[in-house]
Protein backbone atom coordinates (compact mmCIF):
# COMPACT_ATOMS: atom_id res chain seq x y z
CA MET A 1 15.41 -17.92 -22.71
CA SER A 2 12.92 -16.84 -24.94
CA SER A 3 12.98 -13.61 -26.85
CA THR A 4 10.65 -11.19 -27.72
CA ILE A 5 10.01 -10.00 -31.42
CA SER A 6 12.19 -7.47 -32.49
CA GLU A 7 10.70 -3.84 -33.05
CA GLN A 8 11.52 -0.39 -32.41
CA PRO A 9 10.83 0.77 -28.90
CA ARG A 10 7.67 2.65 -28.67
CA PRO A 11 6.93 5.68 -26.36
CA LEU A 12 6.28 4.93 -22.98
CA PRO A 13 2.74 5.03 -22.32
CA LEU A 14 1.83 7.74 -19.75
CA PRO A 15 -1.52 8.49 -18.04
CA ARG A 16 -3.90 10.43 -20.16
CA GLU A 17 -6.51 11.39 -17.75
CA LYS A 18 -9.02 13.03 -20.34
CA LYS A 19 -9.05 9.48 -21.84
CA CYS A 20 -8.70 7.26 -18.79
CA PRO A 21 -9.19 9.51 -15.88
CA PHE A 22 -8.77 6.90 -13.03
CA GLY A 23 -6.37 4.32 -14.58
CA PRO A 24 -3.51 3.63 -17.05
CA ALA A 25 -3.23 4.81 -20.61
CA PRO A 26 -5.45 2.54 -22.95
CA GLU A 27 -2.49 1.04 -24.77
CA VAL A 28 -1.30 -0.61 -21.42
CA ALA A 29 -3.99 -3.03 -21.13
CA GLU A 30 -3.08 -4.29 -24.78
CA ILE A 31 0.42 -4.46 -23.92
CA ARG A 32 -0.23 -6.49 -20.52
CA GLU A 33 -2.37 -9.12 -22.48
CA GLN A 34 0.74 -9.70 -24.83
CA GLY A 35 2.34 -11.34 -21.95
CA GLN A 36 6.23 -10.27 -22.54
CA LEU A 37 7.63 -7.20 -22.07
CA VAL A 38 8.06 -4.41 -24.54
CA LYS A 39 10.84 -1.83 -24.96
CA VAL A 40 9.79 1.73 -24.60
CA THR A 41 11.69 4.96 -24.88
CA CYS A 42 10.97 7.33 -21.56
CA PRO A 43 10.53 11.13 -21.62
CA THR A 44 14.09 11.49 -20.38
CA GLY A 45 15.36 9.60 -23.72
CA ILE A 46 16.41 6.29 -21.80
CA ASP A 47 15.23 2.72 -22.98
CA ALA A 48 13.86 0.52 -20.58
CA TRP A 49 11.55 -2.60 -20.61
CA LEU A 50 8.31 -1.92 -19.34
CA VAL A 51 6.75 -4.51 -16.86
CA THR A 52 3.12 -4.21 -16.62
CA ARG A 53 1.61 -7.70 -15.23
CA TYR A 54 0.91 -7.67 -11.22
CA ALA A 55 2.80 -10.90 -10.86
CA ASP A 56 5.92 -9.45 -12.87
CA VAL A 57 5.78 -6.26 -11.05
CA ARG A 58 5.73 -7.78 -7.60
CA GLU A 59 8.67 -10.11 -8.78
CA VAL A 60 10.86 -7.09 -9.99
CA MET A 61 10.11 -4.90 -7.03
CA GLY A 62 10.40 -7.86 -4.50
CA ASP A 63 13.90 -8.86 -5.68
CA PRO A 64 16.67 -6.36 -4.84
CA GLN A 65 19.46 -9.05 -5.44
CA ARG A 66 18.67 -9.10 -9.16
CA PHE A 67 17.06 -5.37 -9.57
CA SER A 68 18.91 -2.22 -8.06
CA ASN A 69 17.34 1.04 -6.82
CA HIS A 70 20.45 2.86 -8.03
CA SER A 71 18.76 4.08 -10.69
CA GLY A 72 16.39 6.24 -8.63
CA GLN A 73 12.50 5.77 -9.07
CA ALA A 74 11.86 8.79 -11.40
CA GLY A 75 14.76 8.95 -13.83
CA HIS A 76 12.58 7.60 -16.50
CA VAL A 77 10.33 10.88 -16.38
CA LEU A 78 12.22 13.50 -14.74
CA ALA A 79 15.35 14.79 -16.00
CA ASN A 80 16.43 16.25 -12.39
CA MET A 81 17.11 12.56 -11.51
CA PRO A 82 19.58 11.04 -14.09
CA PRO A 83 19.51 7.45 -13.44
CA ASP A 84 23.56 7.09 -14.20
CA SER A 85 24.69 9.88 -11.72
CA PRO A 86 26.42 8.55 -8.46
CA VAL A 87 24.89 7.64 -5.52
CA TYR A 88 26.06 10.23 -2.88
CA GLU A 89 26.19 10.42 0.80
CA GLY A 90 22.61 10.44 2.27
CA ASP A 91 20.86 9.36 -0.92
CA PHE A 92 18.71 6.97 0.98
CA PHE A 93 16.30 6.38 -1.80
CA ARG A 94 18.67 5.24 -4.18
CA MET A 95 20.59 2.64 -1.82
CA ASP A 96 20.54 -1.09 -1.73
CA GLY A 97 21.07 -3.81 0.83
CA PRO A 98 22.47 -2.82 4.42
CA ASP A 99 23.20 0.59 3.44
CA HIS A 100 19.43 0.90 3.07
CA ILE A 101 18.50 -1.31 5.82
CA ARG A 102 20.26 1.12 8.09
CA PHE A 103 18.37 4.40 6.95
CA ARG A 104 15.21 2.56 7.38
CA ARG A 105 15.97 1.29 10.86
CA VAL A 106 16.04 5.01 11.82
CA PHE A 107 12.99 6.13 9.74
CA ALA A 108 10.53 3.69 10.72
CA PRO A 109 10.35 4.60 14.75
CA ALA A 110 10.01 7.83 13.63
CA VAL A 111 6.98 7.63 11.47
CA SER A 112 5.60 4.32 11.03
CA THR A 113 5.36 2.34 14.39
CA VAL A 114 1.80 1.89 15.84
CA LYS A 115 2.79 4.13 18.82
CA ARG A 116 3.75 7.08 16.57
CA LEU A 117 0.88 6.94 14.60
CA GLU A 118 -1.33 7.07 17.39
CA LEU A 119 0.39 10.07 18.73
CA PHE A 120 -0.04 11.89 15.41
CA ARG A 121 -3.56 10.75 14.86
CA PRO A 122 -5.44 13.51 17.13
CA MET A 123 -3.25 16.17 15.51
CA VAL A 124 -4.43 14.92 11.88
CA GLN A 125 -8.17 15.01 13.15
CA ARG A 126 -7.73 18.12 14.63
CA THR A 127 -6.27 19.91 11.36
CA VAL A 128 -8.95 18.34 9.07
CA ASP A 129 -11.83 19.66 11.26
CA GLU A 130 -10.22 23.22 11.59
CA LEU A 131 -9.73 23.61 7.59
CA LEU A 132 -13.62 22.16 7.46
CA ASP A 133 -14.79 24.98 10.08
CA GLY A 134 -12.95 27.34 7.98
CA LEU A 135 -14.60 26.50 4.82
CA ALA A 136 -18.33 26.38 6.71
CA GLY A 137 -18.26 30.20 6.42
CA VAL A 138 -17.53 30.24 2.59
CA THR A 139 -20.05 30.61 -0.18
CA GLY A 140 -19.38 29.89 -3.83
CA PRO A 141 -17.18 27.15 -5.25
CA VAL A 142 -13.92 26.46 -3.54
CA ASP A 143 -10.65 24.61 -5.11
CA LEU A 144 -10.60 21.70 -2.46
CA HIS A 145 -7.20 21.24 -3.51
CA ASP A 146 -5.78 24.33 -2.90
CA LYS A 147 -7.87 25.03 0.20
CA PHE A 148 -7.99 21.64 1.83
CA SER A 149 -5.49 19.09 0.39
CA LYS A 150 -2.76 21.18 0.33
CA PRO A 151 -2.85 23.05 3.63
CA LEU A 152 -3.64 19.46 5.27
CA THR A 153 -0.72 17.70 4.05
CA THR A 154 1.39 20.76 4.66
CA ALA A 155 0.06 21.31 8.10
CA VAL A 156 0.91 17.65 9.20
CA ILE A 157 4.08 17.12 7.78
CA ALA A 158 5.29 20.33 9.49
CA GLU A 159 3.74 19.20 12.73
CA LEU A 160 5.61 16.02 12.54
CA LEU A 161 8.99 17.67 12.20
CA ASP A 162 7.97 20.91 14.33
CA VAL A 163 8.70 23.23 11.47
CA PRO A 164 7.24 26.84 12.02
CA HIS A 165 4.15 27.75 9.76
CA ALA A 166 6.03 30.60 8.46
CA ASP A 167 8.73 28.55 7.09
CA ARG A 168 6.68 25.94 5.05
CA GLY A 169 6.81 27.80 1.73
CA LEU A 170 10.44 26.48 1.62
CA PHE A 171 9.72 22.90 0.91
CA HIS A 172 6.40 23.76 -1.15
CA ARG A 173 9.20 25.24 -3.68
CA VAL A 174 11.33 22.17 -3.69
CA ALA A 175 8.33 19.94 -3.84
CA GLU A 176 6.98 21.48 -6.98
CA ALA A 177 10.75 21.60 -8.62
CA LEU A 178 11.40 17.87 -7.76
CA PHE A 179 8.47 16.25 -9.31
CA SER A 180 8.13 18.34 -12.18
CA GLY A 181 9.69 17.14 -15.51
CA LYS A 182 10.40 20.67 -16.63
CA THR A 183 13.03 20.90 -13.92
CA ASP A 184 16.48 19.83 -14.70
CA ALA A 185 19.45 18.68 -12.33
CA ASP A 186 20.84 22.26 -11.94
CA ASP A 187 17.31 23.79 -11.20
CA LEU A 188 16.64 21.32 -8.47
CA ASP A 189 20.22 21.93 -6.89
CA ALA A 190 19.45 25.54 -6.74
CA ALA A 191 15.94 24.86 -5.15
CA ARG A 192 17.07 22.53 -2.64
CA PHE A 193 20.24 23.94 -1.37
CA PRO A 194 18.20 26.65 0.69
CA LEU A 195 16.23 23.67 2.21
CA PHE A 196 19.39 21.75 3.32
CA GLU A 197 20.80 24.86 4.88
CA TYR A 198 17.27 25.38 6.50
CA VAL A 199 17.13 21.63 7.92
CA GLN A 200 20.86 21.72 8.92
CA ASP A 201 19.80 24.31 11.66
CA LEU A 202 16.92 22.09 12.39
CA VAL A 203 19.36 19.36 12.97
CA VAL A 204 21.71 20.89 14.98
CA THR A 205 18.79 22.36 17.28
CA ARG A 206 17.27 18.81 17.81
CA ARG A 207 20.84 17.37 18.60
CA THR A 208 20.95 19.63 21.64
CA GLU A 209 17.49 19.83 22.39
CA PRO A 210 15.38 17.05 21.35
CA GLY A 211 11.47 16.92 21.37
CA GLU A 212 8.89 14.64 20.70
CA ASP A 213 8.98 15.46 17.00
CA ALA A 214 9.86 12.93 14.31
CA LEU A 215 12.99 15.08 13.45
CA SER A 216 14.06 14.48 16.96
CA VAL A 217 13.65 10.84 16.59
CA LEU A 218 15.58 10.72 13.42
CA VAL A 219 18.33 13.06 15.19
CA THR A 220 18.58 10.83 18.61
CA ARG A 221 18.36 7.43 16.96
CA GLY A 222 21.02 8.25 14.09
CA GLN A 223 23.35 9.68 16.78
CA ASP A 224 22.98 6.26 18.71
CA ALA A 225 23.14 4.01 15.67
CA GLU A 226 26.07 1.43 15.07
CA THR A 227 27.35 3.51 12.75
CA PRO A 228 26.40 7.15 13.74
CA PHE A 229 24.74 9.13 10.94
CA SER A 230 26.59 12.07 9.54
CA ASP A 231 24.79 15.62 9.57
CA ILE A 232 24.11 15.20 5.83
CA GLU A 233 22.63 12.10 6.00
CA LEU A 234 20.28 13.26 8.51
CA ILE A 235 19.49 16.50 6.44
CA LYS A 236 18.79 14.62 3.61
CA MET A 237 16.33 12.14 5.49
CA ALA A 238 14.46 15.21 7.30
CA ALA A 239 14.37 17.13 3.81
CA GLY A 240 13.17 13.91 2.01
CA LEU A 241 10.20 13.60 4.43
CA LEU A 242 9.44 17.28 4.16
CA VAL A 243 9.17 17.23 0.56
CA ALA A 244 7.99 13.87 -0.35
CA GLY A 245 5.20 14.03 2.34
CA TYR A 246 3.29 17.24 1.08
CA ASP A 247 2.63 16.88 -2.35
CA THR A 248 2.39 13.45 -3.15
CA THR A 249 -0.37 12.84 -0.15
CA ALA A 250 -2.01 16.04 -1.04
CA SER A 251 -2.63 14.74 -4.62
CA LEU A 252 -3.63 11.44 -3.67
CA ILE A 253 -6.46 13.19 -1.34
CA THR A 254 -7.35 15.51 -4.27
CA TYR A 255 -7.39 12.66 -6.84
CA GLY A 256 -9.35 10.25 -4.36
CA MET A 257 -12.05 12.80 -3.84
CA LEU A 258 -12.65 13.38 -7.40
CA ALA A 259 -12.96 9.58 -7.85
CA LEU A 260 -15.40 9.38 -4.95
CA LEU A 261 -17.55 12.16 -6.03
CA ASP A 262 -17.50 10.67 -9.78
CA SER A 263 -19.35 7.66 -7.83
CA PRO A 264 -21.70 9.60 -5.62
CA GLU A 265 -23.08 6.06 -4.56
CA GLN A 266 -19.28 5.20 -3.19
CA PHE A 267 -19.40 8.58 -1.28
CA ALA A 268 -22.49 7.99 0.32
CA LEU A 269 -21.36 4.65 1.37
CA LEU A 270 -18.62 6.21 3.22
CA ARG A 271 -21.10 8.22 4.99
CA GLU A 272 -23.44 5.60 5.86
CA SER A 273 -20.85 3.05 6.70
CA PRO A 274 -17.65 4.41 8.51
CA ALA A 275 -16.61 0.95 8.85
CA THR A 276 -15.77 0.72 5.03
CA VAL A 277 -13.22 3.55 5.79
CA PRO A 278 -9.88 1.20 5.66
CA SER A 279 -10.82 -0.54 2.63
CA ALA A 280 -11.67 2.81 0.91
CA VAL A 281 -8.32 3.95 1.89
CA GLU A 282 -6.64 0.96 0.23
CA GLU A 283 -8.67 1.24 -2.77
CA VAL A 284 -7.97 4.73 -3.74
CA VAL A 285 -4.41 3.89 -3.46
CA ARG A 286 -5.06 0.93 -5.82
CA LEU A 287 -6.91 2.99 -8.25
CA LEU A 288 -4.72 5.86 -8.51
CA ALA A 289 -1.21 5.36 -7.26
CA VAL A 290 1.76 5.68 -9.24
CA GLY A 291 0.89 6.18 -12.70
CA SER A 292 4.12 6.73 -14.58
CA GLY A 293 5.66 3.77 -12.84
CA LEU A 294 8.96 3.33 -11.00
CA LEU A 295 12.42 2.78 -12.20
CA ARG A 296 14.91 0.01 -11.72
CA VAL A 297 18.31 -1.39 -13.03
CA ALA A 298 19.04 -4.99 -13.62
CA LYS A 299 22.15 -6.31 -11.86
CA VAL A 300 22.71 -9.66 -13.78
CA ASP A 301 21.28 -10.93 -16.80
CA ILE A 302 17.81 -12.47 -16.02
CA GLU A 303 14.51 -13.30 -17.57
CA ILE A 304 11.09 -11.79 -16.31
CA GLY A 305 7.72 -12.79 -18.07
CA GLY A 306 9.59 -14.86 -20.62
CA THR A 307 11.69 -11.95 -21.66
CA PRO A 308 15.52 -11.66 -21.21
CA ILE A 309 16.83 -8.51 -19.65
CA ALA A 310 20.35 -8.00 -19.85
CA ALA A 311 22.54 -6.55 -16.90
CA GLY A 312 22.67 -2.84 -16.88
CA GLU A 313 19.26 -2.55 -18.86
CA TYR A 314 16.57 -0.21 -17.22
CA VAL A 315 13.17 -1.60 -16.09
CA VAL A 316 10.05 0.07 -15.82
CA VAL A 317 7.51 -1.28 -13.25
CA ALA A 318 4.08 0.11 -14.09
CA VAL A 319 2.31 0.12 -10.60
CA GLN A 320 -0.97 1.40 -11.63
CA ALA A 321 -1.03 -1.16 -14.50
CA ALA A 322 -0.23 -4.09 -12.03
CA ASN A 323 -3.18 -2.66 -9.85
CA HIS A 324 -5.57 -2.69 -12.79
CA ASP A 325 -4.28 -6.27 -14.04
CA PRO A 326 -7.65 -8.33 -14.25
CA ALA A 327 -5.74 -11.54 -13.40
CA GLN A 328 -5.26 -10.05 -9.79
CA PHE A 329 -8.16 -7.52 -9.19
CA ALA A 330 -12.00 -8.26 -10.51
CA ASP A 331 -13.39 -5.45 -12.34
CA PRO A 332 -10.17 -3.45 -11.57
CA GLU A 333 -11.37 -0.50 -13.41
CA HIS A 334 -14.26 0.25 -11.00
CA LEU A 335 -13.96 1.88 -7.56
CA ASP A 336 -15.16 -0.33 -4.83
CA ILE A 337 -14.77 0.88 -1.50
CA THR A 338 -15.74 -2.41 0.17
CA ARG A 339 -13.13 -4.57 -2.03
CA GLN A 340 -11.56 -7.23 0.04
CA HIS A 341 -8.12 -8.73 -0.02
CA ASN A 342 -6.74 -5.98 -1.74
CA ALA A 343 -3.14 -6.79 -2.19
CA HIS A 344 -2.25 -3.89 -4.24
CA ILE A 345 1.05 -2.30 -4.53
CA GLY A 346 0.23 1.40 -4.70
CA PHE A 347 2.77 1.97 -1.97
CA GLY A 348 5.27 -0.18 -3.58
CA HIS A 349 6.62 -4.00 -2.71
CA GLY A 350 9.83 -5.30 -1.04
CA PRO A 351 12.64 -3.23 0.76
CA HIS A 352 11.98 -0.04 -1.23
CA GLN A 353 8.22 0.36 -0.72
CA CYS A 354 7.22 3.54 0.56
CA VAL A 355 8.57 4.73 3.87
CA GLY A 356 5.89 7.22 4.80
CA GLN A 357 3.15 5.14 3.90
CA GLN A 358 1.53 4.82 7.28
CA ILE A 359 1.26 8.68 7.58
CA ALA A 360 -0.21 8.71 4.14
CA ARG A 361 -3.04 6.10 5.03
CA LEU A 362 -3.75 8.21 8.57
CA GLU A 363 -3.98 11.27 6.60
CA LEU A 364 -6.30 9.90 4.00
CA SER A 365 -8.07 7.66 6.37
CA THR A 366 -9.09 10.76 8.38
CA VAL A 367 -10.37 12.68 5.50
CA LEU A 368 -12.37 9.86 4.08
CA ALA A 369 -13.94 9.52 7.48
CA THR A 370 -14.62 13.24 8.03
CA LEU A 371 -15.44 14.72 4.68
CA PRO A 372 -18.40 12.61 4.02
CA ARG A 373 -19.87 13.14 7.33
CA ARG A 374 -19.21 16.63 7.93
CA VAL A 375 -19.99 17.68 4.07
CA PRO A 376 -22.63 15.06 3.00
CA SER A 377 -23.95 17.31 0.06
CA LEU A 378 -20.05 17.52 -1.25
CA ARG A 379 -20.08 17.70 -5.26
CA LEU A 380 -18.27 18.87 -8.07
CA ALA A 381 -19.04 22.68 -9.13
CA VAL A 382 -17.85 21.91 -12.73
CA PRO A 383 -18.87 19.30 -14.97
CA PHE A 384 -16.33 16.31 -14.81
CA GLY A 385 -14.95 17.01 -18.23
CA ASP A 386 -13.69 20.59 -17.31
CA VAL A 387 -11.46 19.24 -14.69
CA GLU A 388 -7.79 19.89 -15.52
CA PHE A 389 -5.16 17.41 -14.78
CA LYS A 390 -1.59 17.97 -14.11
CA SER A 391 1.21 17.26 -16.75
CA ASP A 392 4.98 16.94 -16.66
CA THR A 393 5.02 15.68 -13.24
CA THR A 394 5.34 12.07 -11.33
CA VAL A 395 2.74 13.36 -9.06
CA TYR A 396 -0.66 13.01 -10.98
CA GLY A 397 -4.24 14.19 -10.30
CA PRO A 398 -6.22 17.41 -10.73
CA VAL A 399 -4.44 21.12 -10.98
CA SER A 400 -7.47 22.07 -9.19
CA LEU A 401 -10.98 20.34 -7.96
CA PRO A 402 -13.83 22.75 -7.91
CA VAL A 403 -16.53 21.82 -5.28
CA THR A 404 -19.45 23.00 -3.52
CA TRP A 405 -22.14 22.03 -1.10
CA ASP A 406 -25.32 22.97 1.03
CA GLU A 407 -23.68 22.98 4.34
CA VAL A 408 -20.99 21.93 6.47
CA LEU A 409 -21.82 20.32 9.43
CA PRO A 410 -20.12 20.79 13.04
CA ALA A 411 -17.41 18.44 14.03
CA SER A 412 -19.33 17.13 17.00
């Protein structure tokens, strides 16, 4: 095996939106061009190898035989997810091999089959139109994130699991705690235990009175599995859907709209050519997703990109850097909603790719098909430089997105 030059680990490059609003930190391109991996010190104090090239990132993410997910995906940036902590019962997102497959076989029929998505589609469209109807009578600048993106994803994920409207604040609080770099493990436990208790009641109810919602499917299939699922396994699955499906998708929608409003010709193209919506969805995800990267741990001594990695060492796969790799994507810093053959890895790659990605695609595609048509004059209400971005989080994007318009057209 060849080796890299000996040097002190450098700080992990995290997104700096004021410098590069829609791409990785500027030094990432320099690191990627070096070819070999570099050692970085992460915000939580661990050292890891940083993988930035598209081919190398795909290799790591697609090889569960050599790289484990036991570390969790965000322990390099979130103190509440220590990568060396035990994998407890129901911790689906940190499992490998047959244990992980067992969970995905229950998850998939609940949220990602074509039949289920077509069942959800009218509800998502109705929710988008109702939110825009509510904005039609509003004058003055509006925060699109607070008044549209967050209510949309909240309503969708809650309807998927049939959670009453009045109870939705509970999973908001857990999501905010989970994805904050300022939340430690004890703080997170204090936030999520009430959610677990709440979801436990839902699981018990669905076991005796199943409906058509995703939670009912999880419970029913979990009971009928070859190895039946315990209550704690079902509770963590349902809680994971509630929390992850709210904040990450809302931020992606808001961030994507900012990118489109910053490229008005692309926004106009969406309005004029609805057939571009599917490729626009993939392009938004390619451009923006997973700016802090994902964590893995090597299971064996290996070599990636000419760099030896010892068993037990951590690896950060820089997904956004890979999605901006000019060796894979032409003019990668440019938003091009007509981009073809867009083999991005914004939802991950391999066995651990995002289990809820089809729901996120459904929501984003509905927004991109509807907003340009119903609010063709949508524009930023502040200079681009005044848009504030989130910090100390793994869910990047604007804190708020002030927008204005001339008219909201009817849904018909």
